[in-house]
Amino acid sequence: MPSKRNQLVPNGHFHKDWQRYVKTWFNQPARKIRRRQNRIAKAARVAPRPVNRLRPVVACPTFKYNVKQRAGRGFTLEEIKAAGLNQRQAQTIGIAVDFRRRNKSVESLQLNAQRLKEYQSKLILFPLNPKKPRKGDATAEEVSKATQIAGEVMPVKTSAKRPRAMAITDDMKNFKAFQAIRQARAYKRLHGIRAKRAAEAEADEISKKK
């Protein structure tokens, strides 16, 4: 924008040493190759164990997405206890543990406890000493059949429920959704005040009868 009236002519030098303030990303393709090589090296190092840990099923946060389920960070101590394990043992057999997460419902606790039990039934636990196998260790035949799982361990499957086609009734046509929501919100907001007024009116009637 040109200056107005009798002002100093702008002559700013803003292109000094611009290379110092520019961030390049020419190493992106090489980083991609390095990450892939590291994944392959890790898979070879931990074989025949799974590359990733078992994750719990959790509900997404916020009102918009809480009907959806996804894989969480780790199992709670309650879920591990319900499955008959302890936290140290769980971490040694490829189960992710999250000390901060809490179970807000019985359903999530039961779901993830069942998930742990299913994982244990499929688990092939290698004996530390093949000559002296402990209780729960796999046999030599099972050990020979073991293969490495490369992707997610027991991935969370989401099933989309599509609404079925149906004939539109007169009740559906006459239903006013916006009005119903506003009315429900008003009932909830005024519930305490109305209950208080009803209690006061009842107390007044009792006092009048006396």
N, C-alpha and C. Protein backbone atom coordinates (compact mmCIF):
# COMPACT_ATOMS: atom_id res chain seq x y z
N MET A 1 0.85 -1.19 0.00
CA MET A 1 0.00 0.00 0.00
C MET A 1 0.89 1.25 0.00
N PRO A 2 0.70 2.18 -0.94
CA PRO A 2 1.56 3.37 -0.98
C PRO A 2 1.30 4.31 0.19
N SER A 3 2.35 4.99 0.62
CA SER A 3 2.20 5.92 1.74
C SER A 3 1.45 7.17 1.29
N LYS A 4 0.77 7.79 2.23
CA LYS A 4 -0.02 8.99 1.92
C LYS A 4 0.69 10.25 2.46
N ARG A 5 0.53 11.32 1.73
CA ARG A 5 1.04 12.63 2.13
C ARG A 5 2.58 12.65 2.22
N ASN A 6 3.09 13.63 2.91
CA ASN A 6 4.54 13.84 2.94
C ASN A 6 5.19 12.97 4.02
N GLN A 7 5.41 11.67 3.69
CA GLN A 7 6.00 10.72 4.63
C GLN A 7 7.35 10.23 4.11
N LEU A 8 8.04 9.46 4.96
CA LEU A 8 9.32 8.87 4.57
C LEU A 8 9.07 7.78 3.54
N VAL A 9 9.88 7.76 2.49
CA VAL A 9 9.74 6.74 1.45
C VAL A 9 10.18 5.40 2.02
N PRO A 10 9.29 4.36 1.99
CA PRO A 10 9.69 3.04 2.55
C PRO A 10 10.82 2.42 1.75
N ASN A 11 11.82 1.97 2.47
CA ASN A 11 13.00 1.37 1.84
C ASN A 11 13.53 0.25 2.74
N GLY A 12 12.61 -0.67 3.13
CA GLY A 12 13.00 -1.74 4.06
C GLY A 12 13.77 -2.85 3.36
N HIS A 13 14.80 -3.33 4.03
CA HIS A 13 15.61 -4.44 3.51
C HIS A 13 15.25 -5.71 4.29
N PHE A 14 14.32 -6.49 3.72
CA PHE A 14 13.84 -7.69 4.43
C PHE A 14 14.33 -8.99 3.79
N HIS A 15 15.34 -8.93 2.96
CA HIS A 15 15.84 -10.14 2.30
C HIS A 15 17.26 -10.47 2.74
N LYS A 16 17.65 -10.02 3.91
CA LYS A 16 19.01 -10.28 4.39
C LYS A 16 19.09 -11.68 5.01
N ASP A 17 20.05 -12.45 4.60
CA ASP A 17 20.35 -13.77 5.18
C ASP A 17 19.09 -14.66 5.27
N TRP A 18 18.32 -14.73 4.19
CA TRP A 18 17.07 -15.49 4.22
C TRP A 18 17.28 -16.99 4.34
N GLN A 19 18.49 -17.46 3.96
CA GLN A 19 18.74 -18.91 4.03
C GLN A 19 18.69 -19.44 5.48
N ARG A 20 18.97 -18.55 6.45
CA ARG A 20 18.99 -18.99 7.83
C ARG A 20 17.58 -19.29 8.35
N TYR A 21 16.57 -18.68 7.73
CA TYR A 21 15.20 -18.81 8.21
C TYR A 21 14.36 -19.78 7.39
N VAL A 22 14.96 -20.44 6.43
CA VAL A 22 14.24 -21.38 5.58
C VAL A 22 14.51 -22.81 6.05
N LYS A 23 13.43 -23.59 6.24
CA LYS A 23 13.60 -24.99 6.66
C LYS A 23 13.35 -25.89 5.46
N THR A 24 14.34 -26.67 5.13
CA THR A 24 14.21 -27.62 4.01
C THR A 24 13.89 -29.00 4.54
N TRP A 25 13.40 -29.84 3.65
CA TRP A 25 13.00 -31.21 4.03
C TRP A 25 13.46 -32.19 2.98
N PHE A 26 14.70 -32.01 2.53
CA PHE A 26 15.23 -32.87 1.48
C PHE A 26 15.55 -34.27 1.98
N ASN A 27 15.62 -34.43 3.31
CA ASN A 27 15.94 -35.75 3.86
C ASN A 27 14.69 -36.62 4.08
N GLN A 28 13.54 -36.16 3.61
CA GLN A 28 12.30 -36.93 3.82
C GLN A 28 12.33 -38.33 3.18
N PRO A 29 12.73 -38.47 1.91
CA PRO A 29 12.76 -39.82 1.32
C PRO A 29 13.74 -40.76 2.03
N ALA A 30 14.89 -40.21 2.44
CA ALA A 30 15.89 -41.04 3.14
C ALA A 30 15.37 -41.45 4.51
N ARG A 31 14.66 -40.54 5.18
CA ARG A 31 14.08 -40.87 6.49
C ARG A 31 13.05 -42.00 6.36
N LYS A 32 12.28 -41.94 5.29
CA LYS A 32 11.26 -42.97 5.03
C LYS A 32 11.93 -44.35 4.88
N ILE A 33 13.02 -44.38 4.12
CA ILE A 33 13.76 -45.64 3.92
C ILE A 33 14.33 -46.13 5.25
N ARG A 34 14.87 -45.18 6.05
CA ARG A 34 15.48 -45.56 7.33
C ARG A 34 14.44 -46.12 8.30
N ARG A 35 13.25 -45.49 8.33
CA ARG A 35 12.19 -45.99 9.21
C ARG A 35 11.76 -47.40 8.81
N ARG A 36 11.68 -47.64 7.51
CA ARG A 36 11.30 -48.98 7.03
C ARG A 36 12.35 -50.01 7.39
N GLN A 37 13.61 -49.65 7.22
CA GLN A 37 14.69 -50.58 7.58
C GLN A 37 14.71 -50.87 9.07
N ASN A 38 14.41 -49.85 9.87
CA ASN A 38 14.35 -50.05 11.33
C ASN A 38 13.21 -50.97 11.72
N ARG A 39 12.06 -50.84 11.01
CA ARG A 39 10.94 -51.74 11.29
C ARG A 39 11.29 -53.19 10.96
N ILE A 40 11.96 -53.38 9.83
CA ILE A 40 12.36 -54.74 9.41
C ILE A 40 13.37 -55.32 10.40
N ALA A 41 14.32 -54.47 10.84
CA ALA A 41 15.35 -54.92 11.79
C ALA A 41 14.73 -55.29 13.13
N LYS A 42 13.74 -54.50 13.57
CA LYS A 42 13.07 -54.79 14.84
C LYS A 42 12.29 -56.10 14.75
N ALA A 43 11.59 -56.30 13.62
CA ALA A 43 10.81 -57.53 13.43
C ALA A 43 11.73 -58.76 13.47
N ALA A 44 12.91 -58.64 12.86
CA ALA A 44 13.87 -59.76 12.88
C ALA A 44 14.45 -59.97 14.28
N ARG A 45 14.62 -58.87 15.01
CA ARG A 45 15.23 -58.95 16.35
C ARG A 45 14.28 -59.61 17.36
N VAL A 46 12.97 -59.28 17.27
CA VAL A 46 12.02 -59.82 18.25
C VAL A 46 11.36 -61.12 17.81
N ALA A 47 11.64 -61.58 16.58
CA ALA A 47 11.00 -62.79 16.05
C ALA A 47 11.27 -63.97 16.99
N PRO A 48 10.28 -64.89 17.13
CA PRO A 48 8.95 -64.94 16.49
C PRO A 48 7.86 -64.20 17.27
N ARG A 49 8.24 -63.31 18.17
CA ARG A 49 7.24 -62.52 18.90
C ARG A 49 6.56 -61.53 17.96
N PRO A 50 5.34 -61.08 18.29
CA PRO A 50 4.68 -60.06 17.44
C PRO A 50 5.44 -58.74 17.50
N VAL A 51 5.37 -58.00 16.41
CA VAL A 51 6.07 -56.70 16.35
C VAL A 51 5.38 -55.69 17.27
N ASN A 52 4.03 -55.69 17.29
CA ASN A 52 3.27 -54.74 18.09
C ASN A 52 2.64 -55.43 19.30
N ARG A 53 2.26 -54.62 20.28
CA ARG A 53 1.62 -55.14 21.49
C ARG A 53 0.11 -55.20 21.33
N LEU A 54 -0.53 -55.99 22.18
CA LEU A 54 -1.99 -56.07 22.18
C LEU A 54 -2.56 -54.81 22.83
N ARG A 55 -3.51 -54.17 22.15
CA ARG A 55 -4.12 -52.93 22.63
C ARG A 55 -5.59 -53.17 22.99
N PRO A 56 -6.13 -52.38 23.94
CA PRO A 56 -7.54 -52.56 24.33
C PRO A 56 -8.50 -51.87 23.37
N VAL A 57 -9.77 -52.19 23.50
CA VAL A 57 -10.82 -51.51 22.74
C VAL A 57 -11.35 -50.38 23.60
N VAL A 58 -11.29 -49.16 23.10
CA VAL A 58 -11.77 -47.99 23.85
C VAL A 58 -12.75 -47.19 22.99
N ALA A 59 -13.60 -46.42 23.66
CA ALA A 59 -14.54 -45.53 22.97
C ALA A 59 -13.85 -44.20 22.70
N CYS A 60 -14.10 -43.63 21.53
CA CYS A 60 -13.51 -42.34 21.18
C CYS A 60 -14.07 -41.24 22.09
N PRO A 61 -13.28 -40.21 22.40
CA PRO A 61 -13.79 -39.13 23.24
C PRO A 61 -14.72 -38.19 22.48
N THR A 62 -15.38 -37.33 23.21
CA THR A 62 -16.34 -36.31 22.78
C THR A 62 -17.67 -36.92 22.33
N PHE A 63 -18.71 -36.11 22.48
CA PHE A 63 -20.09 -36.54 22.19
C PHE A 63 -20.27 -36.95 20.73
N LYS A 64 -19.50 -36.32 19.85
CA LYS A 64 -19.65 -36.58 18.41
C LYS A 64 -19.20 -37.98 18.02
N TYR A 65 -18.11 -38.47 18.65
CA TYR A 65 -17.50 -39.72 18.22
C TYR A 65 -17.59 -40.86 19.23
N ASN A 66 -18.31 -40.65 20.36
CA ASN A 66 -18.26 -41.66 21.42
C ASN A 66 -19.01 -42.96 21.09
N VAL A 67 -19.68 -43.01 19.94
CA VAL A 67 -20.30 -44.27 19.52
C VAL A 67 -19.30 -45.16 18.78
N LYS A 68 -18.15 -44.59 18.40
CA LYS A 68 -17.15 -45.36 17.66
C LYS A 68 -16.13 -45.97 18.62
N GLN A 69 -15.54 -47.06 18.18
CA GLN A 69 -14.51 -47.74 18.99
C GLN A 69 -13.20 -47.79 18.22
N ARG A 70 -12.10 -47.72 18.97
CA ARG A 70 -10.77 -47.80 18.37
C ARG A 70 -9.82 -48.47 19.35
N ALA A 71 -8.60 -48.71 18.91
CA ALA A 71 -7.57 -49.30 19.78
C ALA A 71 -7.03 -48.23 20.72
N GLY A 72 -6.88 -48.56 21.99
CA GLY A 72 -6.40 -47.61 23.00
C GLY A 72 -4.90 -47.76 23.24
N ARG A 73 -4.42 -47.07 24.28
CA ARG A 73 -2.98 -47.08 24.61
C ARG A 73 -2.60 -48.38 25.33
N GLY A 74 -3.37 -48.75 26.35
CA GLY A 74 -3.03 -49.96 27.09
C GLY A 74 -4.19 -50.38 27.99
N PHE A 75 -4.10 -51.60 28.52
CA PHE A 75 -5.13 -52.15 29.41
C PHE A 75 -4.97 -51.58 30.82
N THR A 76 -6.09 -51.41 31.51
CA THR A 76 -6.03 -50.93 32.89
C THR A 76 -5.64 -52.08 33.81
N LEU A 77 -5.24 -51.72 35.04
CA LEU A 77 -4.85 -52.75 36.02
C LEU A 77 -6.05 -53.61 36.41
N GLU A 78 -7.25 -53.02 36.41
CA GLU A 78 -8.47 -53.78 36.72
C GLU A 78 -8.75 -54.83 35.66
N GLU A 79 -8.60 -54.45 34.39
CA GLU A 79 -8.83 -55.40 33.28
C GLU A 79 -7.84 -56.56 33.33
N ILE A 80 -6.60 -56.24 33.64
CA ILE A 80 -5.56 -57.29 33.71
C ILE A 80 -5.85 -58.24 34.87
N LYS A 81 -6.30 -57.65 35.99
CA LYS A 81 -6.63 -58.47 37.16
C LYS A 81 -7.84 -59.36 36.87
N ALA A 82 -8.83 -58.81 36.15
CA ALA A 82 -10.04 -59.58 35.81
C ALA A 82 -9.72 -60.76 34.89
N ALA A 83 -8.66 -60.61 34.09
CA ALA A 83 -8.25 -61.70 33.17
C ALA A 83 -7.35 -62.72 33.86
N GLY A 84 -7.05 -62.49 35.14
CA GLY A 84 -6.21 -63.44 35.89
C GLY A 84 -4.72 -63.25 35.68
N LEU A 85 -4.31 -62.03 35.37
CA LEU A 85 -2.88 -61.73 35.17
C LEU A 85 -2.44 -60.65 36.15
N ASN A 86 -1.14 -60.40 36.20
CA ASN A 86 -0.64 -59.23 36.91
C ASN A 86 0.14 -58.37 35.91
N GLN A 87 0.40 -57.11 36.31
CA GLN A 87 0.94 -56.14 35.35
C GLN A 87 2.32 -56.54 34.82
N ARG A 88 3.17 -57.09 35.65
CA ARG A 88 4.52 -57.46 35.19
C ARG A 88 4.47 -58.62 34.21
N GLN A 89 3.66 -59.59 34.53
CA GLN A 89 3.51 -60.75 33.64
C GLN A 89 2.92 -60.32 32.31
N ALA A 90 1.92 -59.42 32.35
CA ALA A 90 1.26 -58.94 31.13
C ALA A 90 2.25 -58.24 30.21
N GLN A 91 3.15 -57.44 30.78
CA GLN A 91 4.12 -56.71 29.96
C GLN A 91 5.15 -57.63 29.33
N THR A 92 5.39 -58.80 29.93
CA THR A 92 6.37 -59.73 29.36
C THR A 92 5.80 -60.58 28.23
N ILE A 93 4.45 -60.64 28.12
CA ILE A 93 3.84 -61.49 27.07
C ILE A 93 3.15 -60.65 26.00
N GLY A 94 3.63 -59.42 25.81
CA GLY A 94 3.17 -58.60 24.68
C GLY A 94 1.84 -57.90 24.88
N ILE A 95 1.50 -57.54 26.13
CA ILE A 95 0.27 -56.82 26.41
C ILE A 95 0.63 -55.41 26.87
N ALA A 96 0.03 -54.40 26.25
CA ALA A 96 0.28 -53.00 26.62
C ALA A 96 -0.51 -52.66 27.88
N VAL A 97 0.15 -52.00 28.84
CA VAL A 97 -0.47 -51.62 30.11
C VAL A 97 -0.47 -50.10 30.22
N ASP A 98 -1.63 -49.55 30.61
CA ASP A 98 -1.76 -48.10 30.81
C ASP A 98 -2.17 -47.87 32.26
N PHE A 99 -1.28 -47.27 33.04
CA PHE A 99 -1.54 -47.07 34.47
C PHE A 99 -2.52 -45.93 34.71
N ARG A 100 -2.66 -45.02 33.75
CA ARG A 100 -3.49 -43.83 33.96
C ARG A 100 -4.95 -44.04 33.58
N ARG A 101 -5.22 -44.95 32.65
CA ARG A 101 -6.60 -45.13 32.19
C ARG A 101 -7.46 -45.76 33.28
N ARG A 102 -8.73 -45.35 33.35
CA ARG A 102 -9.67 -45.90 34.34
C ARG A 102 -10.89 -46.45 33.62
N ASN A 103 -11.51 -47.45 34.22
CA ASN A 103 -12.74 -48.02 33.67
C ASN A 103 -13.93 -47.25 34.19
N LYS A 104 -14.67 -46.60 33.25
CA LYS A 104 -15.84 -45.82 33.64
C LYS A 104 -17.12 -46.67 33.60
N SER A 105 -17.06 -47.86 33.00
CA SER A 105 -18.25 -48.70 32.90
C SER A 105 -17.87 -50.17 33.04
N VAL A 106 -18.85 -50.96 33.45
CA VAL A 106 -18.63 -52.41 33.60
C VAL A 106 -18.48 -53.06 32.23
N GLU A 107 -19.17 -52.49 31.22
CA GLU A 107 -19.13 -53.07 29.86
C GLU A 107 -17.71 -53.05 29.30
N SER A 108 -17.03 -51.91 29.44
CA SER A 108 -15.66 -51.81 28.90
C SER A 108 -14.71 -52.75 29.64
N LEU A 109 -14.92 -52.88 30.96
CA LEU A 109 -14.09 -53.79 31.76
C LEU A 109 -14.26 -55.23 31.29
N GLN A 110 -15.50 -55.65 31.11
CA GLN A 110 -15.78 -57.03 30.68
C GLN A 110 -15.29 -57.29 29.25
N LEU A 111 -15.48 -56.28 28.37
CA LEU A 111 -15.06 -56.43 26.97
C LEU A 111 -13.55 -56.65 26.86
N ASN A 112 -12.78 -55.83 27.57
CA ASN A 112 -11.32 -55.93 27.48
C ASN A 112 -10.77 -57.12 28.26
N ALA A 113 -11.45 -57.51 29.35
CA ALA A 113 -11.05 -58.72 30.08
C ALA A 113 -11.24 -59.95 29.19
N GLN A 114 -12.36 -59.96 28.45
CA GLN A 114 -12.62 -61.06 27.50
C GLN A 114 -11.60 -61.06 26.37
N ARG A 115 -11.21 -59.85 25.93
CA ARG A 115 -10.19 -59.71 24.88
C ARG A 115 -8.84 -60.29 25.34
N LEU A 116 -8.50 -60.04 26.59
CA LEU A 116 -7.25 -60.59 27.15
C LEU A 116 -7.31 -62.12 27.25
N LYS A 117 -8.45 -62.63 27.65
CA LYS A 117 -8.61 -64.09 27.76
C LYS A 117 -8.50 -64.76 26.39
N GLU A 118 -9.09 -64.11 25.38
CA GLU A 118 -9.01 -64.64 24.01
C GLU A 118 -7.56 -64.63 23.52
N TYR A 119 -6.83 -63.56 23.84
CA TYR A 119 -5.41 -63.44 23.47
C TYR A 119 -4.59 -64.54 24.14
N GLN A 120 -4.90 -64.81 25.42
CA GLN A 120 -4.17 -65.85 26.14
C GLN A 120 -4.42 -67.23 25.55
N SER A 121 -5.66 -67.46 25.07
CA SER A 121 -5.98 -68.76 24.47
C SER A 121 -5.23 -68.99 23.16
N LYS A 122 -4.93 -67.88 22.43
CA LYS A 122 -4.22 -68.00 21.16
C LYS A 122 -2.70 -67.93 21.33
N LEU A 123 -2.25 -67.54 22.52
CA LEU A 123 -0.83 -67.29 22.77
C LEU A 123 -0.02 -68.58 22.81
N ILE A 124 1.13 -68.56 22.12
CA ILE A 124 2.08 -69.67 22.19
C ILE A 124 3.26 -69.19 23.03
N LEU A 125 3.31 -69.61 24.28
CA LEU A 125 4.31 -69.13 25.23
C LEU A 125 5.53 -70.05 25.20
N PHE A 126 6.64 -69.51 24.72
CA PHE A 126 7.87 -70.30 24.62
C PHE A 126 8.43 -70.56 26.02
N PRO A 127 8.86 -71.79 26.31
CA PRO A 127 9.46 -72.06 27.63
C PRO A 127 10.86 -71.44 27.74
N LEU A 128 11.19 -70.91 28.92
CA LEU A 128 12.52 -70.34 29.14
C LEU A 128 13.58 -71.44 29.08
N ASN A 129 13.25 -72.57 29.66
CA ASN A 129 14.15 -73.74 29.61
C ASN A 129 13.38 -74.89 28.95
N PRO A 130 13.72 -75.24 27.70
CA PRO A 130 12.95 -76.31 27.00
C PRO A 130 12.96 -77.65 27.75
N LYS A 131 14.02 -77.90 28.53
CA LYS A 131 14.11 -79.17 29.27
C LYS A 131 13.18 -79.21 30.48
N LYS A 132 12.91 -78.02 31.04
CA LYS A 132 12.03 -77.94 32.21
C LYS A 132 10.88 -76.96 31.93
N PRO A 133 9.90 -77.37 31.13
CA PRO A 133 8.78 -76.45 30.82
C PRO A 133 7.89 -76.22 32.04
N ARG A 134 7.42 -74.99 32.18
CA ARG A 134 6.53 -74.64 33.29
C ARG A 134 5.07 -74.81 32.87
N LYS A 135 4.18 -74.59 33.84
CA LYS A 135 2.75 -74.70 33.56
C LYS A 135 2.33 -73.55 32.63
N GLY A 136 1.62 -73.87 31.54
CA GLY A 136 1.18 -72.85 30.60
C GLY A 136 2.12 -72.68 29.41
N ASP A 137 3.32 -73.28 29.47
CA ASP A 137 4.26 -73.17 28.35
C ASP A 137 3.81 -74.06 27.19
N ALA A 138 4.20 -73.65 25.99
CA ALA A 138 3.82 -74.39 24.78
C ALA A 138 4.67 -75.65 24.63
N THR A 139 4.09 -76.62 23.91
CA THR A 139 4.83 -77.85 23.63
C THR A 139 5.77 -77.63 22.44
N ALA A 140 6.64 -78.60 22.21
CA ALA A 140 7.60 -78.48 21.10
C ALA A 140 6.88 -78.41 19.75
N GLU A 141 5.75 -79.10 19.63
CA GLU A 141 4.97 -79.08 18.38
C GLU A 141 4.37 -77.71 18.13
N GLU A 142 3.83 -77.11 19.20
CA GLU A 142 3.24 -75.76 19.08
C GLU A 142 4.30 -74.71 18.78
N VAL A 143 5.47 -74.86 19.38
CA VAL A 143 6.58 -73.92 19.15
C VAL A 143 7.01 -73.95 17.69
N SER A 144 7.02 -75.15 17.09
CA SER A 144 7.43 -75.29 15.68
C SER A 144 6.42 -74.64 14.72
N LYS A 145 5.15 -74.54 15.14
CA LYS A 145 4.11 -73.95 14.29
C LYS A 145 4.01 -72.43 14.44
N ALA A 146 4.73 -71.85 15.40
CA ALA A 146 4.60 -70.41 15.69
C ALA A 146 5.09 -69.56 14.53
N THR A 147 4.30 -68.56 14.18
CA THR A 147 4.67 -67.59 13.13
C THR A 147 4.54 -66.17 13.69
N GLN A 148 5.30 -65.26 13.13
CA GLN A 148 5.29 -63.87 13.61
C GLN A 148 4.14 -63.08 13.00
N ILE A 149 3.43 -62.30 13.85
CA ILE A 149 2.36 -61.41 13.38
C ILE A 149 2.99 -60.07 13.09
N ALA A 150 2.89 -59.62 11.84
CA ALA A 150 3.56 -58.37 11.43
C ALA A 150 2.73 -57.13 11.75
N GLY A 151 1.43 -57.19 11.55
CA GLY A 151 0.58 -56.01 11.73
C GLY A 151 0.06 -55.88 13.15
N GLU A 152 -1.17 -55.35 13.27
CA GLU A 152 -1.80 -55.18 14.58
C GLU A 152 -2.21 -56.54 15.14
N VAL A 153 -2.04 -56.71 16.44
CA VAL A 153 -2.45 -57.95 17.11
C VAL A 153 -3.92 -57.85 17.45
N MET A 154 -4.72 -58.76 16.92
CA MET A 154 -6.17 -58.76 17.10
C MET A 154 -6.75 -57.37 16.85
N PRO A 155 -6.72 -56.89 15.58
CA PRO A 155 -7.17 -55.53 15.28
C PRO A 155 -8.66 -55.32 15.62
N VAL A 156 -8.98 -54.08 16.00
CA VAL A 156 -10.36 -53.73 16.37
C VAL A 156 -11.19 -53.62 15.10
N LYS A 157 -12.22 -54.46 14.99
CA LYS A 157 -13.08 -54.46 13.80
C LYS A 157 -14.33 -53.65 14.09
N THR A 158 -14.58 -52.67 13.25
CA THR A 158 -15.79 -51.84 13.40
C THR A 158 -16.82 -52.28 12.36
N SER A 159 -18.01 -52.57 12.83
CA SER A 159 -19.08 -53.00 11.92
C SER A 159 -20.08 -51.85 11.78
N ALA A 160 -20.27 -51.38 10.55
CA ALA A 160 -21.20 -50.29 10.29
C ALA A 160 -22.61 -50.85 10.15
N LYS A 161 -23.52 -50.37 10.99
CA LYS A 161 -24.91 -50.83 10.95
C LYS A 161 -25.72 -49.87 10.07
N ARG A 162 -26.09 -50.37 8.91
CA ARG A 162 -26.86 -49.54 7.98
C ARG A 162 -28.35 -49.62 8.31
N PRO A 163 -29.05 -48.48 8.30
CA PRO A 163 -30.50 -48.53 8.59
C PRO A 163 -31.26 -49.22 7.46
N ARG A 164 -32.23 -50.02 7.83
CA ARG A 164 -33.02 -50.76 6.84
C ARG A 164 -34.08 -49.85 6.22
N ALA A 165 -34.40 -50.13 4.98
CA ALA A 165 -35.43 -49.35 4.29
C ALA A 165 -36.80 -49.64 4.89
N MET A 166 -37.58 -48.58 5.06
CA MET A 166 -38.92 -48.76 5.65
C MET A 166 -39.87 -47.69 5.08
N ALA A 167 -41.15 -47.96 5.22
CA ALA A 167 -42.16 -47.00 4.76
C ALA A 167 -42.28 -45.87 5.77
N ILE A 168 -42.34 -44.63 5.27
CA ILE A 168 -42.44 -43.45 6.15
C ILE A 168 -43.90 -43.29 6.59
N THR A 169 -44.12 -43.31 7.91
CA THR A 169 -45.47 -43.20 8.46
C THR A 169 -45.84 -41.73 8.69
N ASP A 170 -47.12 -41.50 9.02
CA ASP A 170 -47.59 -40.13 9.30
C ASP A 170 -46.95 -39.57 10.56
N ASP A 171 -46.71 -40.45 11.55
CA ASP A 171 -46.05 -40.00 12.80
C ASP A 171 -44.65 -39.46 12.52
N MET A 172 -43.92 -40.14 11.61
CA MET A 172 -42.58 -39.70 11.23
C MET A 172 -42.62 -38.33 10.53
N LYS A 173 -43.63 -38.17 9.67
CA LYS A 173 -43.76 -36.90 8.93
C LYS A 173 -44.11 -35.74 9.86
N ASN A 174 -44.97 -36.02 10.84
CA ASN A 174 -45.44 -34.96 11.74
C ASN A 174 -44.47 -34.68 12.89
N PHE A 175 -43.49 -35.56 13.10
CA PHE A 175 -42.56 -35.38 14.22
C PHE A 175 -41.63 -34.19 13.95
N LYS A 176 -41.54 -33.29 14.92
CA LYS A 176 -40.69 -32.10 14.81
C LYS A 176 -39.47 -32.30 15.72
N ALA A 177 -38.35 -32.65 15.11
CA ALA A 177 -37.15 -33.02 15.87
C ALA A 177 -36.60 -31.83 16.66
N PHE A 178 -36.51 -30.68 16.01
CA PHE A 178 -35.94 -29.49 16.68
C PHE A 178 -36.77 -29.11 17.91
N GLN A 179 -38.08 -29.14 17.74
CA GLN A 179 -38.98 -28.79 18.85
C GLN A 179 -38.85 -29.79 20.00
N ALA A 180 -38.73 -31.08 19.65
CA ALA A 180 -38.61 -32.13 20.68
C ALA A 180 -37.31 -31.97 21.47
N ILE A 181 -36.21 -31.64 20.76
CA ILE A 181 -34.92 -31.46 21.44
C ILE A 181 -34.97 -30.24 22.36
N ARG A 182 -35.55 -29.13 21.88
CA ARG A 182 -35.65 -27.91 22.69
C ARG A 182 -36.50 -28.15 23.94
N GLN A 183 -37.57 -28.91 23.76
CA GLN A 183 -38.46 -29.20 24.88
C GLN A 183 -37.76 -30.07 25.92
N ALA A 184 -37.00 -31.08 25.44
CA ALA A 184 -36.27 -31.96 26.35
C ALA A 184 -35.21 -31.19 27.14
N ARG A 185 -34.52 -30.27 26.45
CA ARG A 185 -33.51 -29.44 27.13
C ARG A 185 -34.16 -28.53 28.18
N ALA A 186 -35.32 -27.97 27.83
CA ALA A 186 -36.03 -27.11 28.77
C ALA A 186 -36.49 -27.88 30.00
N TYR A 187 -37.00 -29.11 29.80
CA TYR A 187 -37.43 -29.95 30.93
C TYR A 187 -36.26 -30.24 31.86
N LYS A 188 -35.10 -30.53 31.26
CA LYS A 188 -33.92 -30.85 32.07
C LYS A 188 -33.44 -29.62 32.84
N ARG A 189 -33.46 -28.46 32.16
CA ARG A 189 -32.96 -27.23 32.78
C ARG A 189 -33.87 -26.78 33.93
N LEU A 190 -35.17 -26.93 33.75
CA LEU A 190 -36.13 -26.43 34.74
C LEU A 190 -36.57 -27.47 35.76
N HIS A 191 -35.97 -28.66 35.69
CA HIS A 191 -36.39 -29.76 36.58
C HIS A 191 -36.24 -29.38 38.05
N GLY A 192 -35.09 -28.82 38.43
CA GLY A 192 -34.82 -28.48 39.83
C GLY A 192 -35.76 -27.41 40.35
N ILE A 193 -35.97 -26.36 39.54
CA ILE A 193 -36.84 -25.26 39.95
C ILE A 193 -38.28 -25.74 40.13
N ARG A 194 -38.75 -26.56 39.17
CA ARG A 194 -40.12 -27.07 39.25
C ARG A 194 -40.31 -28.00 40.45
N ALA A 195 -39.30 -28.82 40.73
CA ALA A 195 -39.37 -29.72 41.89
C ALA A 195 -39.41 -28.92 43.18
N LYS A 196 -38.63 -27.84 43.23
CA LYS A 196 -38.61 -26.97 44.42
C LYS A 196 -39.95 -26.29 44.62
N ARG A 197 -40.52 -25.77 43.53
CA ARG A 197 -41.83 -25.11 43.61
C ARG A 197 -42.93 -26.08 44.04
N ALA A 198 -42.89 -27.29 43.52
CA ALA A 198 -43.89 -28.30 43.88
C ALA A 198 -43.78 -28.65 45.36
N ALA A 199 -42.53 -28.76 45.86
CA ALA A 199 -42.32 -29.07 47.29
C ALA A 199 -42.83 -27.92 48.16
N GLU A 200 -42.58 -26.67 47.74
CA GLU A 200 -43.05 -25.49 48.49
C GLU A 200 -44.58 -25.42 48.50
N ALA A 201 -45.19 -25.70 47.32
CA ALA A 201 -46.66 -25.68 47.23
C ALA A 201 -47.26 -26.75 48.14
N GLU A 202 -46.64 -27.92 48.20
CA GLU A 202 -47.12 -29.02 49.05
C GLU A 202 -47.01 -28.63 50.53
N ALA A 203 -45.88 -27.99 50.88
CA ALA A 203 -45.67 -27.54 52.26
C ALA A 203 -46.71 -26.49 52.65
N ASP A 204 -47.04 -25.57 51.70
CA ASP A 204 -48.05 -24.53 51.96
C ASP A 204 -49.43 -25.15 52.21
N GLU A 205 -49.78 -26.16 51.41
CA GLU A 205 -51.07 -26.84 51.58
C GLU A 205 -51.18 -27.52 52.93
N ILE A 206 -50.08 -28.15 53.35
CA ILE A 206 -50.08 -28.83 54.66
C ILE A 206 -50.24 -27.82 55.79
N SER A 207 -49.55 -26.67 55.64
CA SER A 207 -49.64 -25.64 56.68
C SER A 207 -51.05 -25.01 56.74
N LYS A 208 -51.71 -24.89 55.56
CA LYS A 208 -53.06 -24.34 55.51
C LYS A 208 -54.07 -25.28 56.16
N LYS A 209 -53.88 -26.60 55.96
CA LYS A 209 -54.80 -27.58 56.56
C LYS A 209 -54.72 -27.57 58.09
N LYS A 210 -53.51 -27.28 58.59
CA LYS A 210 -53.34 -27.23 60.04
C LYS A 210 -54.11 -26.03 60.61
